[in-house]
């Protein structure tokens, strides 16, 4: 199975299977975005939903801008 490299951010590159890239490209075209932007959003959603909130007592701080 071949892989496609996607640039996310300034210096980050990820490899995804070609069939997944084709699906990302189809969605990106329909939404007017790039596959890299969609990957960044998906990573952000994963981190936000799978990372417990961590903050010091009496200091409600979140890295997610909430």
N, C-alpha and C. Protein backbone atom coordinates (compact mmCIF):
# COMPACT_ATOMS: atom_id res chain seq x y z
N UNK A 1 0.85 -1.17 0.00
CA UNK A 1 0.00 0.00 0.00
C UNK A 1 0.90 1.23 0.00
N UNK A 2 0.61 2.15 -0.90
CA UNK A 2 1.42 3.36 -0.97
C UNK A 2 0.86 4.43 -0.03
N UNK A 3 1.73 5.35 0.33
CA UNK A 3 1.37 6.42 1.24
C UNK A 3 1.59 7.77 0.57
N UNK A 4 0.85 8.75 1.04
CA UNK A 4 0.97 10.13 0.55
C UNK A 4 1.40 10.99 1.73
N UNK A 5 2.35 11.88 1.49
CA UNK A 5 2.79 12.80 2.55
C UNK A 5 1.95 14.07 2.49
N UNK A 6 1.49 14.50 3.67
CA UNK A 6 0.71 15.73 3.79
C UNK A 6 1.46 16.68 4.71
N UNK A 7 1.63 17.91 4.25
CA UNK A 7 2.28 18.93 5.07
C UNK A 7 1.23 19.56 5.97
N UNK A 8 1.48 19.52 7.28
CA UNK A 8 0.60 20.22 8.22
C UNK A 8 1.48 21.15 9.03
N UNK A 9 1.11 22.38 9.11
CA UNK A 9 1.95 23.35 9.79
C UNK A 9 3.13 23.73 8.91
N UNK A 10 4.14 24.32 9.54
CA UNK A 10 5.29 24.79 8.78
C UNK A 10 6.30 23.68 8.48
N UNK A 11 6.51 22.78 9.44
CA UNK A 11 7.55 21.77 9.26
C UNK A 11 7.10 20.36 9.59
N UNK A 12 5.82 20.16 9.72
CA UNK A 12 5.33 18.83 10.09
C UNK A 12 4.77 18.13 8.86
N UNK A 13 5.20 16.91 8.68
CA UNK A 13 4.73 16.10 7.56
C UNK A 13 4.22 14.79 8.13
N UNK A 14 3.06 14.37 7.67
CA UNK A 14 2.53 13.07 8.07
C UNK A 14 2.31 12.24 6.81
N UNK A 15 2.35 10.93 6.98
CA UNK A 15 2.06 10.03 5.88
C UNK A 15 0.73 9.34 6.14
N UNK A 16 -0.12 9.32 5.13
CA UNK A 16 -1.41 8.64 5.24
C UNK A 16 -1.53 7.68 4.06
N UNK A 17 -2.27 6.59 4.24
CA UNK A 17 -2.51 5.68 3.12
C UNK A 17 -3.19 6.42 1.96
N UNK A 18 -2.86 6.00 0.76
CA UNK A 18 -3.37 6.69 -0.43
C UNK A 18 -4.90 6.72 -0.50
N UNK A 19 -5.56 5.63 -0.11
CA UNK A 19 -7.02 5.62 -0.16
C UNK A 19 -7.63 6.61 0.83
N UNK A 20 -7.00 6.77 2.00
CA UNK A 20 -7.47 7.76 2.97
C UNK A 20 -7.23 9.17 2.44
N UNK A 21 -6.09 9.37 1.77
CA UNK A 21 -5.81 10.69 1.20
C UNK A 21 -6.86 11.06 0.14
N UNK A 22 -7.24 10.09 -0.67
CA UNK A 22 -8.26 10.37 -1.70
C UNK A 22 -9.57 10.80 -1.05
N UNK A 23 -9.93 10.16 0.05
CA UNK A 23 -11.16 10.55 0.76
C UNK A 23 -11.01 11.95 1.36
N UNK A 24 -9.84 12.23 1.96
CA UNK A 24 -9.59 13.57 2.50
C UNK A 24 -9.65 14.62 1.40
N UNK A 25 -9.08 14.31 0.24
CA UNK A 25 -9.09 15.26 -0.87
C UNK A 25 -10.51 15.51 -1.36
N UNK A 26 -11.34 14.47 -1.40
CA UNK A 26 -12.73 14.63 -1.82
C UNK A 26 -13.48 15.55 -0.86
N UNK A 27 -13.30 15.31 0.44
CA UNK A 27 -13.95 16.15 1.46
C UNK A 27 -13.42 17.58 1.40
N UNK A 28 -12.10 17.70 1.24
CA UNK A 28 -11.49 19.03 1.17
C UNK A 28 -12.03 19.82 -0.01
N UNK A 29 -12.16 19.18 -1.15
CA UNK A 29 -12.68 19.87 -2.33
C UNK A 29 -14.12 20.32 -2.11
N UNK A 30 -14.90 19.49 -1.47
CA UNK A 30 -16.31 19.83 -1.23
C UNK A 30 -16.46 20.98 -0.24
N UNK A 31 -15.49 21.13 0.67
CA UNK A 31 -15.58 22.17 1.69
C UNK A 31 -14.70 23.39 1.39
N UNK A 32 -13.95 23.34 0.29
CA UNK A 32 -13.09 24.47 -0.07
C UNK A 32 -11.86 24.59 0.81
N UNK A 33 -11.39 23.48 1.32
CA UNK A 33 -10.21 23.49 2.19
C UNK A 33 -9.16 22.56 1.61
N UNK A 34 -8.02 22.46 2.30
CA UNK A 34 -6.98 21.53 1.88
C UNK A 34 -7.02 20.29 2.76
N UNK A 35 -6.51 19.16 2.26
CA UNK A 35 -6.45 17.96 3.11
C UNK A 35 -5.67 18.21 4.40
N UNK A 36 -4.61 19.01 4.34
CA UNK A 36 -3.83 19.32 5.54
C UNK A 36 -4.65 20.04 6.60
N UNK A 37 -5.51 20.97 6.18
CA UNK A 37 -6.36 21.69 7.14
C UNK A 37 -7.33 20.73 7.82
N UNK A 38 -7.85 19.79 7.06
CA UNK A 38 -8.78 18.82 7.65
C UNK A 38 -8.06 17.93 8.65
N UNK A 39 -6.84 17.51 8.31
CA UNK A 39 -6.06 16.68 9.23
C UNK A 39 -5.78 17.44 10.53
N UNK A 40 -5.42 18.71 10.42
CA UNK A 40 -5.16 19.52 11.62
C UNK A 40 -6.41 19.59 12.49
N UNK A 41 -7.57 19.80 11.87
CA UNK A 41 -8.83 19.84 12.62
C UNK A 41 -9.11 18.51 13.30
N UNK A 42 -8.89 17.41 12.58
CA UNK A 42 -9.14 16.08 13.15
C UNK A 42 -8.21 15.80 14.33
N UNK A 43 -6.95 16.18 14.20
CA UNK A 43 -6.00 16.00 15.31
C UNK A 43 -6.44 16.84 16.50
N UNK A 44 -6.86 18.08 16.25
CA UNK A 44 -7.33 18.94 17.33
C UNK A 44 -8.54 18.37 18.04
N UNK A 45 -9.48 17.83 17.28
CA UNK A 45 -10.67 17.21 17.89
C UNK A 45 -10.27 16.01 18.72
N UNK A 46 -9.36 15.19 18.20
CA UNK A 46 -8.92 14.00 18.94
C UNK A 46 -8.26 14.40 20.25
N UNK A 47 -7.34 15.36 20.18
CA UNK A 47 -6.64 15.80 21.40
C UNK A 47 -7.63 16.38 22.40
N UNK A 48 -8.55 17.19 21.92
CA UNK A 48 -9.51 17.83 22.82
C UNK A 48 -10.43 16.82 23.50
N UNK A 49 -10.80 15.77 22.79
CA UNK A 49 -11.74 14.80 23.35
C UNK A 49 -11.06 13.65 24.09
N UNK A 50 -9.76 13.48 23.90
CA UNK A 50 -9.06 12.36 24.54
C UNK A 50 -8.01 12.79 25.56
N UNK A 51 -7.90 14.07 25.81
CA UNK A 51 -6.93 14.57 26.78
C UNK A 51 -7.68 15.13 27.98
N UNK A 52 -7.38 14.61 29.17
CA UNK A 52 -8.08 15.13 30.35
C UNK A 52 -7.69 16.58 30.63
N UNK A 53 -8.61 17.32 31.16
CA UNK A 53 -8.32 18.71 31.53
C UNK A 53 -7.32 18.71 32.68
N UNK A 54 -6.27 19.47 32.54
CA UNK A 54 -5.24 19.53 33.57
C UNK A 54 -5.02 21.00 33.92
N UNK A 55 -5.26 21.34 35.17
CA UNK A 55 -5.00 22.70 35.62
C UNK A 55 -4.83 22.68 37.13
N UNK A 56 -4.11 23.66 37.62
CA UNK A 56 -3.89 23.77 39.06
C UNK A 56 -5.18 24.20 39.74
N UNK A 57 -5.33 23.80 40.99
CA UNK A 57 -6.52 24.21 41.74
C UNK A 57 -6.59 25.73 41.79
N UNK A 58 -7.79 26.24 41.73
CA UNK A 58 -8.05 27.68 41.76
C UNK A 58 -7.45 28.42 40.57
N UNK A 59 -7.09 27.70 39.54
CA UNK A 59 -6.57 28.35 38.34
C UNK A 59 -7.15 27.63 37.13
N UNK A 60 -8.40 27.92 36.79
CA UNK A 60 -9.05 27.23 35.68
C UNK A 60 -8.49 27.67 34.34
N UNK A 61 -7.51 26.96 33.88
CA UNK A 61 -6.86 27.30 32.63
C UNK A 61 -6.97 26.11 31.67
N UNK A 62 -7.20 26.38 30.42
CA UNK A 62 -7.27 25.33 29.42
C UNK A 62 -6.39 25.72 28.24
N UNK A 63 -5.69 24.75 27.70
CA UNK A 63 -4.86 24.99 26.52
C UNK A 63 -5.69 25.14 25.25
N UNK A 64 -6.99 24.89 25.34
CA UNK A 64 -7.82 24.88 24.16
C UNK A 64 -8.57 26.20 23.97
N UNK A 65 -8.21 27.23 24.69
CA UNK A 65 -8.82 28.53 24.51
C UNK A 65 -10.24 28.64 25.00
N UNK A 66 -10.61 27.79 25.93
CA UNK A 66 -11.98 27.84 26.46
C UNK A 66 -12.04 28.67 27.71
